[in-house]
Amino acid sequence: MRPLVCILALLASFSITAASCPDWLNVSKRRLHDKEMVNLCDLTAGKPVLIVNTASNCGYTPQFNQLEFLHKKYADQGLIVIGFPSDDFFQEEDDESKTAEVCYRNYGVSFTMLSPISVRGSSADPIFKELARQGGSPKWNFYKYLINPAGQVVDYWAPTTKPDDVKIVSEIEQLMHPQNSI
């Protein structure tokens, strides 16, 4: 009888996770310069998420440092940071291994980086189509979208707003600790 109880508990937790995942995050994506797939529902279920369209050869590329800072500071509290490299603004490497080198070696990125995608226009990945529908389409690299655990855009920022800006940090902290908000 014990195995049946375990199976039922597993099925119940799966249905809760699947039910709490918005359709637009119910996808698997390949990790940057890797064969491993990441199921975004499993990664983000019930957690606040910061999604960023990135580029390796942009004036804003040093923002990887602040994104990594946010990841390290808030990961244990549930924040998920996801980077999506894109060449939509012609500042991404053609070779994915070079993109990975910029992220991992040059900036020490340890948050989730996924394979390059399109982030705007008719060829935009469905994730960025939904972000555009809920907030706005990125007009340049390093747009930042803060998503609540229900999969709704709380706010988004242009690249001129650094990831560690007080506006972004306060929104993250409010999502992570709603009991402290006024």
N, C-alpha and C. Protein backbone atom coordinates (compact mmCIF):
# COMPACT_ATOMS: atom_id res chain seq x y z
N MET A 1 0.82 -1.20 0.00
CA MET A 1 0.00 0.00 0.00
C MET A 1 0.86 1.26 0.00
N ARG A 2 1.99 1.22 0.61
CA ARG A 2 2.87 2.38 0.71
C ARG A 2 3.26 2.94 -0.66
N PRO A 3 3.67 2.13 -1.64
CA PRO A 3 4.02 2.69 -2.95
C PRO A 3 2.86 3.44 -3.60
N LEU A 4 1.64 2.98 -3.40
CA LEU A 4 0.48 3.66 -3.97
C LEU A 4 0.33 5.05 -3.38
N VAL A 5 0.54 5.18 -2.08
CA VAL A 5 0.46 6.49 -1.42
C VAL A 5 1.51 7.42 -2.00
N CYS A 6 2.71 6.92 -2.21
CA CYS A 6 3.79 7.74 -2.79
C CYS A 6 3.43 8.19 -4.21
N ILE A 7 2.89 7.30 -4.99
CA ILE A 7 2.51 7.63 -6.36
C ILE A 7 1.41 8.68 -6.36
N LEU A 8 0.40 8.52 -5.49
CA LEU A 8 -0.68 9.50 -5.41
C LEU A 8 -0.17 10.87 -4.98
N ALA A 9 0.75 10.88 -4.01
CA ALA A 9 1.33 12.15 -3.56
C ALA A 9 2.12 12.81 -4.68
N LEU A 10 2.87 12.01 -5.43
CA LEU A 10 3.64 12.54 -6.55
C LEU A 10 2.71 13.12 -7.61
N LEU A 11 1.64 12.40 -7.95
CA LEU A 11 0.68 12.89 -8.93
C LEU A 11 0.01 14.18 -8.46
N ALA A 12 -0.32 14.27 -7.18
CA ALA A 12 -0.94 15.47 -6.64
C ALA A 12 0.01 16.65 -6.73
N SER A 13 1.29 16.45 -6.38
CA SER A 13 2.25 17.56 -6.46
C SER A 13 2.49 17.97 -7.90
N PHE A 14 2.46 16.99 -8.84
CA PHE A 14 2.63 17.32 -10.25
C PHE A 14 1.47 18.18 -10.74
N SER A 15 0.26 17.80 -10.37
CA SER A 15 -0.90 18.57 -10.85
C SER A 15 -0.92 19.96 -10.24
N ILE A 16 -0.46 20.12 -9.01
CA ILE A 16 -0.39 21.45 -8.42
C ILE A 16 0.63 22.29 -9.17
N THR A 17 1.81 21.71 -9.44
CA THR A 17 2.84 22.44 -10.17
C THR A 17 2.38 22.78 -11.57
N ALA A 18 1.79 21.81 -12.28
CA ALA A 18 1.34 22.06 -13.64
C ALA A 18 0.24 23.10 -13.66
N ALA A 19 -0.65 23.05 -12.67
CA ALA A 19 -1.75 24.01 -12.62
C ALA A 19 -1.25 25.41 -12.31
N SER A 20 -0.14 25.53 -11.56
CA SER A 20 0.36 26.85 -11.18
C SER A 20 1.29 27.44 -12.23
N CYS A 21 1.57 26.71 -13.25
CA CYS A 21 2.46 27.19 -14.30
C CYS A 21 1.65 27.81 -15.44
N PRO A 22 1.91 29.07 -15.75
CA PRO A 22 1.19 29.67 -16.89
C PRO A 22 1.63 29.01 -18.19
N ASP A 23 0.72 28.97 -19.15
CA ASP A 23 0.99 28.31 -20.44
C ASP A 23 2.27 28.82 -21.09
N TRP A 24 2.51 30.11 -21.02
CA TRP A 24 3.67 30.68 -21.72
C TRP A 24 5.00 30.27 -21.12
N LEU A 25 4.98 29.74 -19.88
CA LEU A 25 6.21 29.21 -19.28
C LEU A 25 6.22 27.68 -19.29
N ASN A 26 5.22 27.08 -19.87
CA ASN A 26 5.12 25.63 -19.92
C ASN A 26 5.90 25.11 -21.14
N VAL A 27 7.21 25.35 -21.12
CA VAL A 27 8.09 24.96 -22.23
C VAL A 27 9.44 24.50 -21.68
N SER A 28 10.16 23.81 -22.51
CA SER A 28 11.54 23.45 -22.20
C SER A 28 12.44 24.18 -23.18
N LYS A 29 13.53 24.68 -22.68
CA LYS A 29 14.52 25.41 -23.49
C LYS A 29 15.90 24.82 -23.21
N ARG A 30 16.75 24.93 -24.20
CA ARG A 30 18.12 24.40 -24.07
C ARG A 30 19.00 25.41 -23.35
N ARG A 31 19.83 24.90 -22.43
CA ARG A 31 20.80 25.75 -21.76
C ARG A 31 21.82 26.27 -22.77
N LEU A 32 22.37 27.43 -22.50
CA LEU A 32 23.38 28.04 -23.36
C LEU A 32 24.57 27.11 -23.52
N HIS A 33 24.92 26.84 -24.79
CA HIS A 33 26.08 26.04 -25.16
C HIS A 33 26.11 24.70 -24.42
N ASP A 34 24.96 24.03 -24.39
CA ASP A 34 24.81 22.77 -23.68
C ASP A 34 23.69 21.98 -24.35
N LYS A 35 23.65 20.69 -24.12
CA LYS A 35 22.57 19.86 -24.65
C LYS A 35 21.42 19.76 -23.65
N GLU A 36 21.67 20.12 -22.39
CA GLU A 36 20.67 19.98 -21.34
C GLU A 36 19.48 20.92 -21.58
N MET A 37 18.31 20.35 -21.38
CA MET A 37 17.07 21.12 -21.49
C MET A 37 16.62 21.56 -20.10
N VAL A 38 16.00 22.73 -20.03
CA VAL A 38 15.47 23.26 -18.78
C VAL A 38 13.97 23.41 -18.95
N ASN A 39 13.20 22.77 -18.08
CA ASN A 39 11.76 22.93 -18.10
C ASN A 39 11.46 24.19 -17.27
N LEU A 40 10.92 25.22 -17.92
CA LEU A 40 10.71 26.49 -17.24
C LEU A 40 9.63 26.41 -16.17
N CYS A 41 8.66 25.51 -16.33
CA CYS A 41 7.67 25.31 -15.26
C CYS A 41 8.34 24.78 -14.00
N ASP A 42 9.17 23.77 -14.17
CA ASP A 42 9.88 23.21 -13.01
C ASP A 42 10.79 24.25 -12.37
N LEU A 43 11.45 25.04 -13.18
CA LEU A 43 12.39 26.04 -12.67
C LEU A 43 11.69 27.18 -11.94
N THR A 44 10.55 27.63 -12.46
CA THR A 44 9.94 28.86 -11.96
C THR A 44 8.69 28.68 -11.10
N ALA A 45 8.17 27.48 -11.00
CA ALA A 45 6.88 27.25 -10.33
C ALA A 45 6.81 27.91 -8.95
N GLY A 46 5.87 28.83 -8.79
CA GLY A 46 5.63 29.48 -7.51
C GLY A 46 6.70 30.46 -7.08
N LYS A 47 7.54 30.89 -8.01
CA LYS A 47 8.66 31.77 -7.65
C LYS A 47 8.62 33.05 -8.48
N PRO A 48 9.16 34.13 -7.92
CA PRO A 48 9.34 35.33 -8.74
C PRO A 48 10.50 35.11 -9.72
N VAL A 49 10.37 35.70 -10.91
CA VAL A 49 11.35 35.47 -11.97
C VAL A 49 11.76 36.81 -12.57
N LEU A 50 13.05 36.97 -12.83
CA LEU A 50 13.57 38.12 -13.55
C LEU A 50 14.11 37.60 -14.88
N ILE A 51 13.44 38.00 -15.98
CA ILE A 51 13.83 37.57 -17.32
C ILE A 51 14.51 38.74 -18.01
N VAL A 52 15.65 38.46 -18.65
CA VAL A 52 16.43 39.51 -19.29
C VAL A 52 16.87 39.05 -20.68
N ASN A 53 16.69 39.91 -21.69
CA ASN A 53 17.27 39.62 -23.00
C ASN A 53 18.68 40.20 -23.00
N THR A 54 19.65 39.37 -23.30
CA THR A 54 21.05 39.77 -23.15
C THR A 54 21.78 39.79 -24.50
N ALA A 55 22.97 40.36 -24.49
CA ALA A 55 23.85 40.38 -25.67
C ALA A 55 25.28 40.48 -25.18
N SER A 56 26.18 39.85 -25.89
CA SER A 56 27.58 39.78 -25.49
C SER A 56 28.41 41.01 -25.84
N ASN A 57 27.99 41.75 -26.85
CA ASN A 57 28.81 42.86 -27.36
C ASN A 57 28.05 44.18 -27.31
N CYS A 58 27.45 44.45 -26.18
CA CYS A 58 26.61 45.62 -26.00
C CYS A 58 27.22 46.49 -24.90
N GLY A 59 26.96 47.77 -24.97
CA GLY A 59 27.42 48.66 -23.91
C GLY A 59 26.84 48.30 -22.55
N TYR A 60 25.72 47.57 -22.55
CA TYR A 60 25.09 47.17 -21.30
C TYR A 60 25.51 45.78 -20.82
N THR A 61 26.39 45.12 -21.56
CA THR A 61 26.83 43.77 -21.18
C THR A 61 27.38 43.70 -19.75
N PRO A 62 28.05 44.74 -19.23
CA PRO A 62 28.50 44.66 -17.83
C PRO A 62 27.36 44.49 -16.81
N GLN A 63 26.11 44.64 -17.24
CA GLN A 63 25.00 44.39 -16.33
C GLN A 63 24.92 42.93 -15.89
N PHE A 64 25.67 42.05 -16.58
CA PHE A 64 25.76 40.67 -16.10
C PHE A 64 26.25 40.65 -14.65
N ASN A 65 27.14 41.59 -14.28
CA ASN A 65 27.63 41.65 -12.90
C ASN A 65 26.49 41.89 -11.91
N GLN A 66 25.62 42.85 -12.20
CA GLN A 66 24.52 43.13 -11.28
C GLN A 66 23.47 42.01 -11.29
N LEU A 67 23.24 41.40 -12.47
CA LEU A 67 22.32 40.27 -12.52
C LEU A 67 22.84 39.11 -11.66
N GLU A 68 24.13 38.87 -11.73
CA GLU A 68 24.73 37.81 -10.92
C GLU A 68 24.62 38.16 -9.44
N PHE A 69 24.81 39.44 -9.10
CA PHE A 69 24.65 39.88 -7.71
C PHE A 69 23.23 39.58 -7.21
N LEU A 70 22.22 39.95 -8.01
CA LEU A 70 20.83 39.68 -7.62
C LEU A 70 20.58 38.18 -7.46
N HIS A 71 21.11 37.41 -8.39
CA HIS A 71 20.95 35.96 -8.32
C HIS A 71 21.54 35.42 -7.01
N LYS A 72 22.75 35.81 -6.70
CA LYS A 72 23.40 35.31 -5.49
C LYS A 72 22.70 35.80 -4.22
N LYS A 73 22.23 37.02 -4.24
CA LYS A 73 21.59 37.59 -3.06
C LYS A 73 20.22 36.97 -2.79
N TYR A 74 19.45 36.70 -3.85
CA TYR A 74 18.05 36.30 -3.67
C TYR A 74 17.70 34.87 -4.07
N ALA A 75 18.63 34.12 -4.61
CA ALA A 75 18.31 32.75 -5.06
C ALA A 75 17.80 31.89 -3.91
N ASP A 76 18.42 31.99 -2.74
CA ASP A 76 17.98 31.19 -1.60
C ASP A 76 16.59 31.57 -1.12
N GLN A 77 16.14 32.78 -1.49
CA GLN A 77 14.80 33.24 -1.11
C GLN A 77 13.79 32.95 -2.22
N GLY A 78 14.25 32.38 -3.34
CA GLY A 78 13.34 31.94 -4.38
C GLY A 78 13.42 32.65 -5.71
N LEU A 79 14.15 33.77 -5.82
CA LEU A 79 14.22 34.49 -7.09
C LEU A 79 14.94 33.65 -8.14
N ILE A 80 14.35 33.60 -9.32
CA ILE A 80 14.96 32.92 -10.47
C ILE A 80 15.34 34.00 -11.49
N VAL A 81 16.59 34.02 -11.89
CA VAL A 81 17.06 34.93 -12.94
C VAL A 81 17.32 34.09 -14.18
N ILE A 82 16.76 34.53 -15.31
CA ILE A 82 16.94 33.80 -16.57
C ILE A 82 17.39 34.79 -17.64
N GLY A 83 18.50 34.47 -18.29
CA GLY A 83 19.00 35.27 -19.40
C GLY A 83 18.73 34.58 -20.73
N PHE A 84 18.24 35.38 -21.67
CA PHE A 84 18.00 34.91 -23.03
C PHE A 84 18.86 35.72 -23.99
N PRO A 85 19.99 35.19 -24.45
CA PRO A 85 20.77 35.92 -25.45
C PRO A 85 19.96 36.09 -26.73
N SER A 86 20.17 37.22 -27.37
CA SER A 86 19.47 37.50 -28.63
C SER A 86 20.34 38.36 -29.52
N ASP A 87 20.26 38.11 -30.81
CA ASP A 87 20.99 38.93 -31.78
C ASP A 87 20.04 39.87 -32.53
N ASP A 88 18.87 40.12 -31.97
CA ASP A 88 17.90 40.99 -32.63
C ASP A 88 18.41 42.41 -32.81
N PHE A 89 19.37 42.80 -32.00
CA PHE A 89 19.94 44.15 -32.10
C PHE A 89 21.39 44.11 -32.59
N PHE A 90 21.77 42.97 -33.17
CA PHE A 90 23.06 42.78 -33.85
C PHE A 90 24.26 42.99 -32.93
N GLN A 91 24.13 42.51 -31.68
CA GLN A 91 25.24 42.63 -30.75
C GLN A 91 25.54 41.32 -30.03
N GLU A 92 25.11 40.22 -30.62
CA GLU A 92 25.38 38.91 -30.04
C GLU A 92 26.33 38.15 -30.95
N GLU A 93 27.14 37.31 -30.33
CA GLU A 93 28.09 36.48 -31.08
C GLU A 93 27.32 35.53 -32.01
N ASP A 94 27.91 35.23 -33.16
CA ASP A 94 27.32 34.24 -34.06
C ASP A 94 27.57 32.82 -33.55
N ASP A 95 28.65 32.66 -32.81
CA ASP A 95 29.05 31.36 -32.28
C ASP A 95 28.60 31.28 -30.81
N GLU A 96 27.72 30.33 -30.52
CA GLU A 96 27.18 30.20 -29.17
C GLU A 96 28.26 29.95 -28.12
N SER A 97 29.35 29.30 -28.52
CA SER A 97 30.44 29.07 -27.56
C SER A 97 31.07 30.39 -27.12
N LYS A 98 31.10 31.38 -28.01
CA LYS A 98 31.64 32.69 -27.64
C LYS A 98 30.68 33.42 -26.70
N THR A 99 29.39 33.26 -26.92
CA THR A 99 28.40 33.84 -26.00
C THR A 99 28.59 33.23 -24.61
N ALA A 100 28.73 31.92 -24.57
CA ALA A 100 28.94 31.23 -23.29
C ALA A 100 30.21 31.72 -22.61
N GLU A 101 31.26 31.94 -23.38
CA GLU A 101 32.51 32.43 -22.81
C GLU A 101 32.31 33.80 -22.17
N VAL A 102 31.62 34.69 -22.85
CA VAL A 102 31.35 36.02 -22.29
C VAL A 102 30.58 35.88 -20.97
N CYS A 103 29.54 35.07 -20.98
CA CYS A 103 28.70 34.92 -19.79
C CYS A 103 29.44 34.24 -18.64
N TYR A 104 29.96 33.06 -18.92
CA TYR A 104 30.49 32.22 -17.85
C TYR A 104 31.92 32.58 -17.45
N ARG A 105 32.78 32.83 -18.41
CA ARG A 105 34.18 33.11 -18.08
C ARG A 105 34.39 34.59 -17.75
N ASN A 106 33.90 35.47 -18.61
CA ASN A 106 34.16 36.90 -18.41
C ASN A 106 33.37 37.49 -17.24
N TYR A 107 32.12 37.02 -17.05
CA TYR A 107 31.27 37.62 -16.01
C TYR A 107 30.90 36.66 -14.88
N GLY A 108 31.32 35.41 -14.95
CA GLY A 108 31.05 34.47 -13.87
C GLY A 108 29.58 34.19 -13.62
N VAL A 109 28.79 34.22 -14.68
CA VAL A 109 27.35 34.01 -14.56
C VAL A 109 27.07 32.59 -14.06
N SER A 110 26.26 32.50 -13.01
CA SER A 110 25.83 31.19 -12.52
C SER A 110 24.31 31.04 -12.57
N PHE A 111 23.59 32.10 -12.93
CA PHE A 111 22.14 31.98 -13.09
C PHE A 111 21.85 31.33 -14.43
N THR A 112 20.62 30.97 -14.66
CA THR A 112 20.23 30.22 -15.86
C THR A 112 20.37 31.08 -17.12
N MET A 113 21.19 30.64 -18.02
CA MET A 113 21.33 31.25 -19.35
C MET A 113 20.87 30.21 -20.36
N LEU A 114 20.00 30.63 -21.26
CA LEU A 114 19.45 29.72 -22.25
C LEU A 114 19.98 30.03 -23.63
N SER A 115 19.73 29.16 -24.57
CA SER A 115 20.24 29.33 -25.93
C SER A 115 19.62 30.57 -26.58
N PRO A 116 20.31 31.17 -27.53
CA PRO A 116 19.83 32.40 -28.17
C PRO A 116 18.46 32.23 -28.85
N ILE A 117 17.67 33.29 -28.74
CA ILE A 117 16.33 33.33 -29.34
C ILE A 117 16.09 34.72 -29.92
N SER A 118 15.00 34.86 -30.63
CA SER A 118 14.54 36.17 -31.09
C SER A 118 13.59 36.72 -30.03
N VAL A 119 13.69 38.03 -29.76
CA VAL A 119 12.90 38.62 -28.68
C VAL A 119 11.91 39.69 -29.15
N ARG A 120 11.87 39.98 -30.44
CA ARG A 120 10.95 41.02 -30.90
C ARG A 120 10.43 40.69 -32.30
N GLY A 121 9.34 41.33 -32.64
CA GLY A 121 8.77 41.16 -33.97
C GLY A 121 8.03 39.85 -34.13
N SER A 122 7.69 39.55 -35.37
CA SER A 122 6.89 38.36 -35.66
C SER A 122 7.66 37.07 -35.39
N SER A 123 8.98 37.12 -35.40
CA SER A 123 9.77 35.91 -35.15
C SER A 123 10.14 35.76 -33.66
N ALA A 124 9.60 36.62 -32.80
CA ALA A 124 9.92 36.54 -31.37
C ALA A 124 9.49 35.20 -30.79
N ASP A 125 10.29 34.70 -29.89
CA ASP A 125 9.96 33.50 -29.14
C ASP A 125 8.64 33.76 -28.39
N PRO A 126 7.80 32.72 -28.24
CA PRO A 126 6.52 32.92 -27.54
C PRO A 126 6.65 33.53 -26.14
N ILE A 127 7.75 33.26 -25.47
CA ILE A 127 7.96 33.87 -24.15
C ILE A 127 8.00 35.39 -24.28
N PHE A 128 8.75 35.88 -25.25
CA PHE A 128 8.86 37.34 -25.41
C PHE A 128 7.62 37.94 -26.06
N LYS A 129 6.87 37.14 -26.80
CA LYS A 129 5.58 37.63 -27.30
C LYS A 129 4.65 37.88 -26.12
N GLU A 130 4.68 36.97 -25.15
CA GLU A 130 3.83 37.15 -23.97
C GLU A 130 4.33 38.32 -23.11
N LEU A 131 5.63 38.46 -22.96
CA LEU A 131 6.16 39.60 -22.21
C LEU A 131 5.76 40.91 -22.88
N ALA A 132 5.79 40.94 -24.20
CA ALA A 132 5.38 42.14 -24.94
C ALA A 132 3.89 42.41 -24.74
N ARG A 133 3.09 41.34 -24.74
CA ARG A 133 1.65 41.50 -24.55
C ARG A 133 1.33 42.05 -23.15
N GLN A 134 2.04 41.54 -22.15
CA GLN A 134 1.78 41.96 -20.78
C GLN A 134 2.42 43.30 -20.42
N GLY A 135 3.52 43.64 -21.08
CA GLY A 135 4.23 44.87 -20.71
C GLY A 135 4.66 45.66 -21.92
N GLY A 136 5.67 45.17 -22.57
CA GLY A 136 6.19 45.85 -23.74
C GLY A 136 7.31 45.03 -24.35
N SER A 137 7.50 45.22 -25.63
CA SER A 137 8.54 44.52 -26.36
C SER A 137 9.89 45.18 -26.08
N PRO A 138 10.95 44.41 -25.95
CA PRO A 138 12.26 45.03 -25.75
C PRO A 138 12.66 45.87 -26.96
N LYS A 139 13.13 47.05 -26.68
CA LYS A 139 13.57 47.95 -27.73
C LYS A 139 15.10 47.96 -27.85
N TRP A 140 15.75 47.22 -26.97
CA TRP A 140 17.20 47.08 -26.99
C TRP A 140 17.56 45.91 -26.09
N ASN A 141 18.84 45.62 -25.98
CA ASN A 141 19.33 44.56 -25.12
C ASN A 141 19.17 44.94 -23.64
N PHE A 142 19.10 43.93 -22.81
CA PHE A 142 19.05 44.07 -21.36
C PHE A 142 17.77 44.73 -20.85
N TYR A 143 16.64 44.43 -21.53
CA TYR A 143 15.34 44.75 -20.92
C TYR A 143 15.14 43.73 -19.82
N LYS A 144 14.59 44.18 -18.71
CA LYS A 144 14.40 43.32 -17.55
C LYS A 144 12.91 43.25 -17.23
N TYR A 145 12.39 42.01 -17.08
CA TYR A 145 10.98 41.78 -16.79
C TYR A 145 10.87 41.02 -15.48
N LEU A 146 10.16 41.61 -14.52
CA LEU A 146 9.93 40.93 -13.25
C LEU A 146 8.55 40.28 -13.30
N ILE A 147 8.53 38.98 -13.07
CA ILE A 147 7.33 38.16 -13.17
C ILE A 147 6.96 37.65 -11.78
N ASN A 148 5.69 37.77 -11.41
CA ASN A 148 5.28 37.24 -10.11
C ASN A 148 5.08 35.72 -10.20
N PRO A 149 4.89 35.05 -9.05
CA PRO A 149 4.75 33.60 -9.07
C PRO A 149 3.57 33.09 -9.91
N ALA A 150 2.59 33.95 -10.19
CA ALA A 150 1.45 33.54 -11.01
C ALA A 150 1.73 33.72 -12.50
N GLY A 151 2.90 34.22 -12.85
CA GLY A 151 3.27 34.37 -14.26
C GLY A 151 2.85 35.69 -14.87
N GLN A 152 2.60 36.69 -14.05
CA GLN A 152 2.20 38.01 -14.55
C GLN A 152 3.37 38.98 -14.43
N VAL A 153 3.52 39.83 -15.45
CA VAL A 153 4.56 40.85 -15.41
C VAL A 153 4.18 41.88 -14.35
N VAL A 154 5.07 42.06 -13.38
CA VAL A 154 4.87 43.06 -12.33
C VAL A 154 5.34 44.42 -12.84
N ASP A 155 6.50 44.40 -13.50
CA ASP A 155 7.07 45.62 -14.06
C ASP A 155 8.18 45.22 -15.02
N TYR A 156 8.59 46.15 -15.83
CA TYR A 156 9.73 45.91 -16.72
C TYR A 156 10.50 47.21 -16.88
N TRP A 157 11.79 47.05 -17.21
CA TRP A 157 12.68 48.19 -17.25
C TRP A 157 13.57 48.15 -18.48
N ALA A 158 13.84 49.31 -19.01
CA ALA A 158 14.76 49.47 -20.15
C ALA A 158 16.19 49.23 -19.66
N PRO A 159 17.11 49.08 -20.58
CA PRO A 159 18.50 48.79 -20.20
C PRO A 159 19.16 49.91 -19.40
N THR A 160 18.64 51.12 -19.48
CA THR A 160 19.24 52.21 -18.72
C THR A 160 19.03 52.06 -17.22
N THR A 161 18.08 51.23 -16.81
CA THR A 161 17.87 50.93 -15.40
C THR A 161 18.70 49.69 -15.08
N LYS A 162 19.69 49.87 -14.23
CA LYS A 162 20.59 48.76 -13.88
C LYS A 162 19.85 47.74 -13.02
N PRO A 163 20.22 46.47 -13.13
CA PRO A 163 19.54 45.42 -12.37
C PRO A 163 19.53 45.65 -10.85
N ASP A 164 20.56 46.31 -10.32
CA ASP A 164 20.60 46.54 -8.87
C ASP A 164 20.03 47.90 -8.47
N ASP A 165 19.32 48.55 -9.40
CA ASP A 165 18.66 49.82 -9.11
C ASP A 165 17.62 49.61 -8.00
N VAL A 166 17.46 50.62 -7.16
CA VAL A 166 16.54 50.51 -6.04
C VAL A 166 15.11 50.19 -6.49
N LYS A 167 14.70 50.65 -7.67
CA LYS A 167 13.34 50.35 -8.16
C LYS A 167 13.17 48.85 -8.38
N ILE A 168 14.15 48.23 -8.98
CA ILE A 168 14.07 46.79 -9.25
C ILE A 168 14.20 45.99 -7.96
N VAL A 169 15.18 46.35 -7.14
CA VAL A 169 15.40 45.63 -5.89
C VAL A 169 14.18 45.71 -4.99
N SER A 170 13.56 46.88 -4.90
CA SER A 170 12.38 47.01 -4.02
C SER A 170 11.22 46.16 -4.54
N GLU A 171 11.04 46.10 -5.87
CA GLU A 171 9.99 45.25 -6.45
C GLU A 171 10.26 43.77 -6.17
N ILE A 172 11.52 43.37 -6.29
CA ILE A 172 11.90 41.98 -6.01
C ILE A 172 11.61 41.66 -4.55
N GLU A 173 12.04 42.55 -3.66
CA GLU A 173 11.84 42.30 -2.23
C GLU A 173 10.37 42.29 -1.86
N GLN A 174 9.57 43.12 -2.50
CA GLN A 174 8.14 43.13 -2.24
C GLN A 174 7.50 41.80 -2.67
N LEU A 175 7.96 41.26 -3.80
CA LEU A 175 7.44 39.96 -4.25
C LEU A 175 7.86 38.83 -3.31
N MET A 176 9.06 38.92 -2.80
CA MET A 176 9.60 37.85 -1.97
C MET A 176 9.09 37.93 -0.54
N HIS A 177 8.77 39.13 -0.09
CA HIS A 177 8.32 39.33 1.29
C HIS A 177 7.10 40.24 1.30
N PRO A 178 5.97 39.77 0.76
CA PRO A 178 4.78 40.64 0.66
C PRO A 178 4.25 41.10 2.00
N GLN A 179 4.54 40.36 3.07
CA GLN A 179 4.06 40.75 4.39
C GLN A 179 4.74 42.04 4.87
N ASN A 180 5.89 42.38 4.29
CA ASN A 180 6.61 43.60 4.69
C ASN A 180 6.17 44.83 3.91
N SER A 181 5.34 44.64 2.87
CA SER A 181 4.92 45.79 2.08
C SER A 181 3.79 46.53 2.77
N ILE A 182 3.71 47.79 2.47
CA ILE A 182 2.72 48.65 3.14
C ILE A 182 1.41 48.58 2.41
